[in-house]
Amino acid sequence: MLIPSNYGMIKVYIYGFYPPKGMGKVYASLDDTVVSCKGTCKKKTIIRALSKLNEILSNQK
């Protein structure tokens, strides 16, 4: 999944989550910063990874 932002494209890689409620992993990256999160709910895990990436990027700038 690609998400446009003012700083570039945020790439979100989603693995697993099959069968429903199965474990999965989400990677969110912007430039050379990468964060990962594991969970069972796909939507919440994606939001958690993007929030983590936002927190790291806001602390860097």
PDB file of N, CA and C in Angstrom:
ATOM      1  N   MET A   1       0.854  -1.152   0.000  1.00  0.00           N
ATOM      2  CA  MET A   1       0.000   0.000   0.000  1.00  0.00           C
ATOM      3  C   MET A   1       0.913   1.231   0.000  1.00  0.00           C
ATOM      4  N   LEU A   2       0.627   2.187  -0.856  1.00  0.00           N
ATOM      5  CA  LEU A   2       1.395   3.421  -0.931  1.00  0.00           C
ATOM      6  C   LEU A   2       0.525   4.588  -0.469  1.00  0.00           C
ATOM      7  N   ILE A   3       1.089   5.419   0.396  1.00  0.00           N
ATOM      8  CA  ILE A   3       0.366   6.575   0.917  1.00  0.00           C
ATOM      9  C   ILE A   3       1.199   7.822   0.625  1.00  0.00           C
ATOM     10  N   PRO A   4       0.674   8.774  -0.161  1.00  0.00           N
ATOM     11  CA  PRO A   4       1.436   9.993  -0.434  1.00  0.00           C
ATOM     12  C   PRO A   4       1.445  10.919   0.792  1.00  0.00           C
ATOM     13  N   SER A   5       2.581  11.575   1.002  1.00  0.00           N
ATOM     14  CA  SER A   5       2.689  12.565   2.077  1.00  0.00           C
ATOM     15  C   SER A   5       3.541  13.726   1.588  1.00  0.00           C
ATOM     16  N   ASN A   6       3.648  14.762   2.393  1.00  0.00           N
ATOM     17  CA  ASN A   6       4.456  15.924   2.022  1.00  0.00           C
ATOM     18  C   ASN A   6       5.947  15.596   1.974  1.00  0.00           C
ATOM     19  N   TYR A   7       6.369  14.540   2.654  1.00  0.00           N
ATOM     20  CA  TYR A   7       7.783  14.171   2.737  1.00  0.00           C
ATOM     21  C   TYR A   7       8.167  13.052   1.783  1.00  0.00           C
ATOM     22  N   GLY A   8       7.219  12.515   1.042  1.00  0.00           N
ATOM     23  CA  GLY A   8       7.472  11.417   0.108  1.00  0.00           C
ATOM     24  C   GLY A   8       6.383  10.362   0.216  1.00  0.00           C
ATOM     25  N   MET A   9       6.643   9.216  -0.388  1.00  0.00           N
ATOM     26  CA  MET A   9       5.671   8.119  -0.355  1.00  0.00           C
ATOM     27  C   MET A   9       5.941   7.215   0.846  1.00  0.00           C
ATOM     28  N   ILE A  10       4.902   6.955   1.615  1.00  0.00           N
ATOM     29  CA  ILE A  10       4.995   6.005   2.717  1.00  0.00           C
ATOM     30  C   ILE A  10       4.592   4.648   2.161  1.00  0.00           C
ATOM     31  N   LYS A  11       5.477   3.674   2.320  1.00  0.00           N
ATOM     32  CA  LYS A  11       5.198   2.319   1.841  1.00  0.00           C
ATOM     33  C   LYS A  11       4.788   1.463   3.029  1.00  0.00           C
ATOM     34  N   VAL A  12       3.666   0.773   2.894  1.00  0.00           N
ATOM     35  CA  VAL A  12       3.161  -0.098   3.950  1.00  0.00           C
ATOM     36  C   VAL A  12       3.083  -1.515   3.391  1.00  0.00           C
ATOM     37  N   TYR A  13       3.844  -2.424   4.001  1.00  0.00           N
ATOM     38  CA  TYR A  13       3.845  -3.830   3.598  1.00  0.00           C
ATOM     39  C   TYR A  13       3.057  -4.616   4.631  1.00  0.00           C
ATOM     40  N   ILE A  14       2.109  -5.429   4.165  1.00  0.00           N
ATOM     41  CA  ILE A  14       1.215  -6.175   5.050  1.00  0.00           C
ATOM     42  C   ILE A  14       1.395  -7.667   4.768  1.00  0.00           C
ATOM     43  N   TYR A  15       1.736  -8.429   5.815  1.00  0.00           N
ATOM     44  CA  TYR A  15       1.943  -9.868   5.686  1.00  0.00           C
ATOM     45  C   TYR A  15       1.063 -10.606   6.680  1.00  0.00           C
ATOM     46  N   GLY A  16       0.517 -11.745   6.263  1.00  0.00           N
ATOM     47  CA  GLY A  16      -0.247 -12.598   7.160  1.00  0.00           C
ATOM     48  C   GLY A  16      -1.712 -12.218   7.240  1.00  0.00           C
ATOM     49  N   PHE A  17      -2.255 -12.295   8.455  1.00  0.00           N
ATOM     50  CA  PHE A  17      -3.664 -12.013   8.751  1.00  0.00           C
ATOM     51  C   PHE A  17      -4.595 -13.005   8.052  1.00  0.00           C
ATOM     52  N   TYR A  18      -4.103 -14.206   7.797  1.00  0.00           N
ATOM     53  CA  TYR A  18      -4.952 -15.241   7.219  1.00  0.00           C
ATOM     54  C   TYR A  18      -4.727 -16.509   8.003  1.00  0.00           C
ATOM     55  N   PRO A  19      -5.728 -17.164   8.477  1.00  0.00           N
ATOM     56  CA  PRO A  19      -7.162 -16.910   8.383  1.00  0.00           C
ATOM     57  C   PRO A  19      -7.545 -15.672   9.193  1.00  0.00           C
ATOM     58  N   PRO A  20      -8.795 -15.208   9.065  1.00  0.00           N
ATOM     59  CA  PRO A  20      -9.216 -14.040   9.844  1.00  0.00           C
ATOM     60  C   PRO A  20      -8.886 -14.221  11.327  1.00  0.00           C
ATOM     61  N   LYS A  21      -8.404 -13.166  11.939  1.00  0.00           N
ATOM     62  CA  LYS A  21      -7.919 -13.145  13.329  1.00  0.00           C
ATOM     63  C   LYS A  21      -6.608 -13.909  13.485  1.00  0.00           C
ATOM     64  N   GLY A  22      -5.934 -14.218  12.358  1.00  0.00           N
ATOM     65  CA  GLY A  22      -4.619 -14.829  12.421  1.00  0.00           C
ATOM     66  C   GLY A  22      -3.563 -13.752  12.618  1.00  0.00           C
ATOM     67  N   MET A  23      -2.393 -14.150  13.101  1.00  0.00           N
ATOM     68  CA  MET A  23      -1.305 -13.194  13.321  1.00  0.00           C
ATOM     69  C   MET A  23      -0.807 -12.640  11.994  1.00  0.00           C
ATOM     70  N   GLY A  24      -0.384 -11.400  12.039  1.00  0.00           N
ATOM     71  CA  GLY A  24       0.165 -10.754  10.856  1.00  0.00           C
ATOM     72  C   GLY A  24       1.199  -9.730  11.260  1.00  0.00           C
ATOM     73  N   LYS A  25       1.915  -9.212  10.272  1.00  0.00           N
ATOM     74  CA  LYS A  25       2.956  -8.227  10.520  1.00  0.00           C
ATOM     75  C   LYS A  25       2.831  -7.112   9.500  1.00  0.00           C
ATOM     76  N   VAL A  26       3.066  -5.880   9.941  1.00  0.00           N
ATOM     77  CA  VAL A  26       2.978  -4.704   9.079  1.00  0.00           C
ATOM     78  C   VAL A  26       4.280  -3.926   9.193  1.00  0.00           C
ATOM     79  N   TYR A  27       4.863  -3.585   8.044  1.00  0.00           N
ATOM     80  CA  TYR A  27       6.043  -2.725   7.983  1.00  0.00           C
ATOM     81  C   TYR A  27       5.630  -1.413   7.337  1.00  0.00           C
ATOM     82  N   ALA A  28       6.019  -0.288   7.929  1.00  0.00           N
ATOM     83  CA  ALA A  28       5.774   1.033   7.346  1.00  0.00           C
ATOM     84  C   ALA A  28       7.124   1.708   7.172  1.00  0.00           C
ATOM     85  N   SER A  29       7.394   2.245   5.976  1.00  0.00           N
ATOM     86  CA  SER A  29       8.698   2.858   5.730  1.00  0.00           C
ATOM     87  C   SER A  29       8.552   4.170   4.981  1.00  0.00           C
ATOM     88  N   LEU A  30       9.445   5.084   5.307  1.00  0.00           N
ATOM     89  CA  LEU A  30       9.567   6.364   4.623  1.00  0.00           C
ATOM     90  C   LEU A  30      11.053   6.646   4.552  1.00  0.00           C
ATOM     91  N   ASP A  31      11.585   6.760   3.329  1.00  0.00           N
ATOM     92  CA  ASP A  31      13.021   6.918   3.090  1.00  0.00           C
ATOM     93  C   ASP A  31      13.765   5.747   3.734  1.00  0.00           C
ATOM     94  N   ASP A  32      14.620   6.001   4.730  1.00  0.00           N
ATOM     95  CA  ASP A  32      15.389   4.917   5.344  1.00  0.00           C
ATOM     96  C   ASP A  32      14.868   4.546   6.732  1.00  0.00           C
ATOM     97  N   THR A  33      13.728   5.083   7.130  1.00  0.00           N
ATOM     98  CA  THR A  33      13.125   4.783   8.428  1.00  0.00           C
ATOM     99  C   THR A  33      12.059   3.709   8.248  1.00  0.00           C
ATOM    100  N   VAL A  34      12.219   2.599   8.984  1.00  0.00           N
ATOM    101  CA  VAL A  34      11.283   1.477   8.883  1.00  0.00           C
ATOM    102  C   VAL A  34      10.827   1.089  10.286  1.00  0.00           C
ATOM    103  N   VAL A  35       9.530   0.885  10.445  1.00  0.00           N
ATOM    104  CA  VAL A  35       8.981   0.381  11.706  1.00  0.00           C
ATOM    105  C   VAL A  35       8.131  -0.850  11.401  1.00  0.00           C
ATOM    106  N   SER A  36       8.004  -1.724  12.396  1.00  0.00           N
ATOM    107  CA  SER A  36       7.172  -2.914  12.202  1.00  0.00           C
ATOM    108  C   SER A  36       6.298  -3.131  13.431  1.00  0.00           C
ATOM    109  N   CYS A  37       5.145  -3.731  13.207  1.00  0.00           N
ATOM    110  CA  CYS A  37       4.201  -4.065  14.278  1.00  0.00           C
ATOM    111  C   CYS A  37       3.589  -5.425  13.974  1.00  0.00           C
ATOM    112  N   LYS A  38       3.325  -6.187  15.047  1.00  0.00           N
ATOM    113  CA  LYS A  38       2.643  -7.465  14.910  1.00  0.00           C
ATOM    114  C   LYS A  38       1.297  -7.371  15.602  1.00  0.00           C
ATOM    115  N   GLY A  39       0.323  -8.109  15.084  1.00  0.00           N
ATOM    116  CA  GLY A  39      -0.990  -8.122  15.710  1.00  0.00           C
ATOM    117  C   GLY A  39      -1.939  -9.074  15.018  1.00  0.00           C
ATOM    118  N   THR A  40      -3.169  -9.111  15.517  1.00  0.00           N
ATOM    119  CA  THR A  40      -4.175 -10.002  14.939  1.00  0.00           C
ATOM    120  C   THR A  40      -5.244  -9.246  14.159  1.00  0.00           C
ATOM    121  N   CYS A  41      -5.435  -7.971  14.443  1.00  0.00           N
ATOM    122  CA  CYS A  41      -6.429  -7.153  13.738  1.00  0.00           C
ATOM    123  C   CYS A  41      -5.691  -6.303  12.704  1.00  0.00           C
ATOM    124  N   LYS A  42      -5.957  -6.552  11.431  1.00  0.00           N
ATOM    125  CA  LYS A  42      -5.222  -5.890  10.347  1.00  0.00           C
ATOM    126  C   LYS A  42      -5.320  -4.369  10.426  1.00  0.00           C
ATOM    127  N   LYS A  43      -6.519  -3.847  10.572  1.00  0.00           N
ATOM    128  CA  LYS A  43      -6.733  -2.396  10.573  1.00  0.00           C
ATOM    129  C   LYS A  43      -5.997  -1.718  11.735  1.00  0.00           C
ATOM    130  N   LYS A  44      -6.121  -2.270  12.935  1.00  0.00           N
ATOM    131  CA  LYS A  44      -5.467  -1.685  14.103  1.00  0.00           C
ATOM    132  C   LYS A  44      -3.952  -1.780  14.002  1.00  0.00           C
ATOM    133  N   THR A  45      -3.443  -2.858  13.418  1.00  0.00           N
ATOM    134  CA  THR A  45      -2.003  -3.031  13.282  1.00  0.00           C
ATOM    135  C   THR A  45      -1.428  -2.033  12.284  1.00  0.00           C
ATOM    136  N   ILE A  46      -2.143  -1.770  11.192  1.00  0.00           N
ATOM    137  CA  ILE A  46      -1.703  -0.767  10.216  1.00  0.00           C
ATOM    138  C   ILE A  46      -1.677   0.609  10.874  1.00  0.00           C
ATOM    139  N   ILE A  47      -2.718   0.945  11.614  1.00  0.00           N
ATOM    140  CA  ILE A  47      -2.780   2.243  12.299  1.00  0.00           C
ATOM    141  C   ILE A  47      -1.655   2.364  13.319  1.00  0.00           C
ATOM    142  N   ARG A  48      -1.378   1.286  14.053  1.00  0.00           N
ATOM    143  CA  ARG A  48      -0.309   1.303  15.048  1.00  0.00           C
ATOM    144  C   ARG A  48       1.054   1.520  14.393  1.00  0.00           C
ATOM    145  N   ALA A  49       1.300   0.867  13.255  1.00  0.00           N
ATOM    146  CA  ALA A  49       2.572   1.032  12.549  1.00  0.00           C
ATOM    147  C   ALA A  49       2.727   2.458  12.027  1.00  0.00           C
ATOM    148  N   LEU A  50       1.659   3.027  11.466  1.00  0.00           N
ATOM    149  CA  LEU A  50       1.729   4.401  10.962  1.00  0.00           C
ATOM    150  C   LEU A  50       1.903   5.403  12.104  1.00  0.00           C
ATOM    151  N   SER A  51       1.280   5.156  13.239  1.00  0.00           N
ATOM    152  CA  SER A  51       1.443   6.036  14.398  1.00  0.00           C
ATOM    153  C   SER A  51       2.875   5.993  14.918  1.00  0.00           C
ATOM    154  N   LYS A  52       3.433   4.792  14.946  1.00  0.00           N
ATOM    155  CA  LYS A  52       4.815   4.617  15.383  1.00  0.00           C
ATOM    156  C   LYS A  52       5.779   5.344  14.441  1.00  0.00           C
ATOM    157  N   LEU A  53       5.548   5.224  13.139  1.00  0.00           N
ATOM    158  CA  LEU A  53       6.378   5.904  12.145  1.00  0.00           C
ATOM    159  C   LEU A  53       6.261   7.416  12.313  1.00  0.00           C
ATOM    160  N   ASN A  54       5.054   7.916  12.522  1.00  0.00           N
ATOM    161  CA  ASN A  54       4.837   9.350  12.724  1.00  0.00           C
ATOM    162  C   ASN A  54       5.582   9.853  13.958  1.00  0.00           C
ATOM    163  N   GLU A  55       5.529   9.085  15.033  1.00  0.00           N
ATOM    164  CA  GLU A  55       6.209   9.477  16.266  1.00  0.00           C
ATOM    165  C   GLU A  55       7.721   9.550  16.066  1.00  0.00           C
ATOM    166  N   ILE A  56       8.282   8.569  15.389  1.00  0.00           N
ATOM    167  CA  ILE A  56       9.726   8.552  15.135  1.00  0.00           C
ATOM    168  C   ILE A  56      10.127   9.722  14.251  1.00  0.00           C
ATOM    169  N   LEU A  57       9.356   9.979  13.198  1.00  0.00           N
ATOM    170  CA  LEU A  57       9.693  11.070  12.280  1.00  0.00           C
ATOM    171  C   LEU A  57       9.540  12.436  12.941  1.00  0.00           C
ATOM    172  N   SER A  58       8.545  12.606  13.800  1.00  0.00           N
ATOM    173  CA  SER A  58       8.362  13.903  14.463  1.00  0.00           C
ATOM    174  C   SER A  58       9.463  14.162  15.485  1.00  0.00           C
ATOM    175  N   ASN A  59      10.022  13.105  16.083  1.00  0.00           N
ATOM    176  CA  ASN A  59      11.133  13.270  17.021  1.00  0.00           C
ATOM    177  C   ASN A  59      12.436  13.585  16.297  1.00  0.00           C
ATOM    178  N   GLN A  60      12.587  13.131  15.044  1.00  0.00           N
ATOM    179  CA  GLN A  60      13.803  13.378  14.270  1.00  0.00           C
ATOM    180  C   GLN A  60      13.868  14.814  13.775  1.00  0.00           C
ATOM    181  N   LYS A  61      12.721  15.423  13.496  1.00  0.00           N
ATOM    182  CA  LYS A  61      12.718  16.754  12.877  1.00  0.00           C
ATOM    183  C   LYS A  61      12.552  17.855  13.876  1.00  0.00           C
TER     184      LYS A  61
END
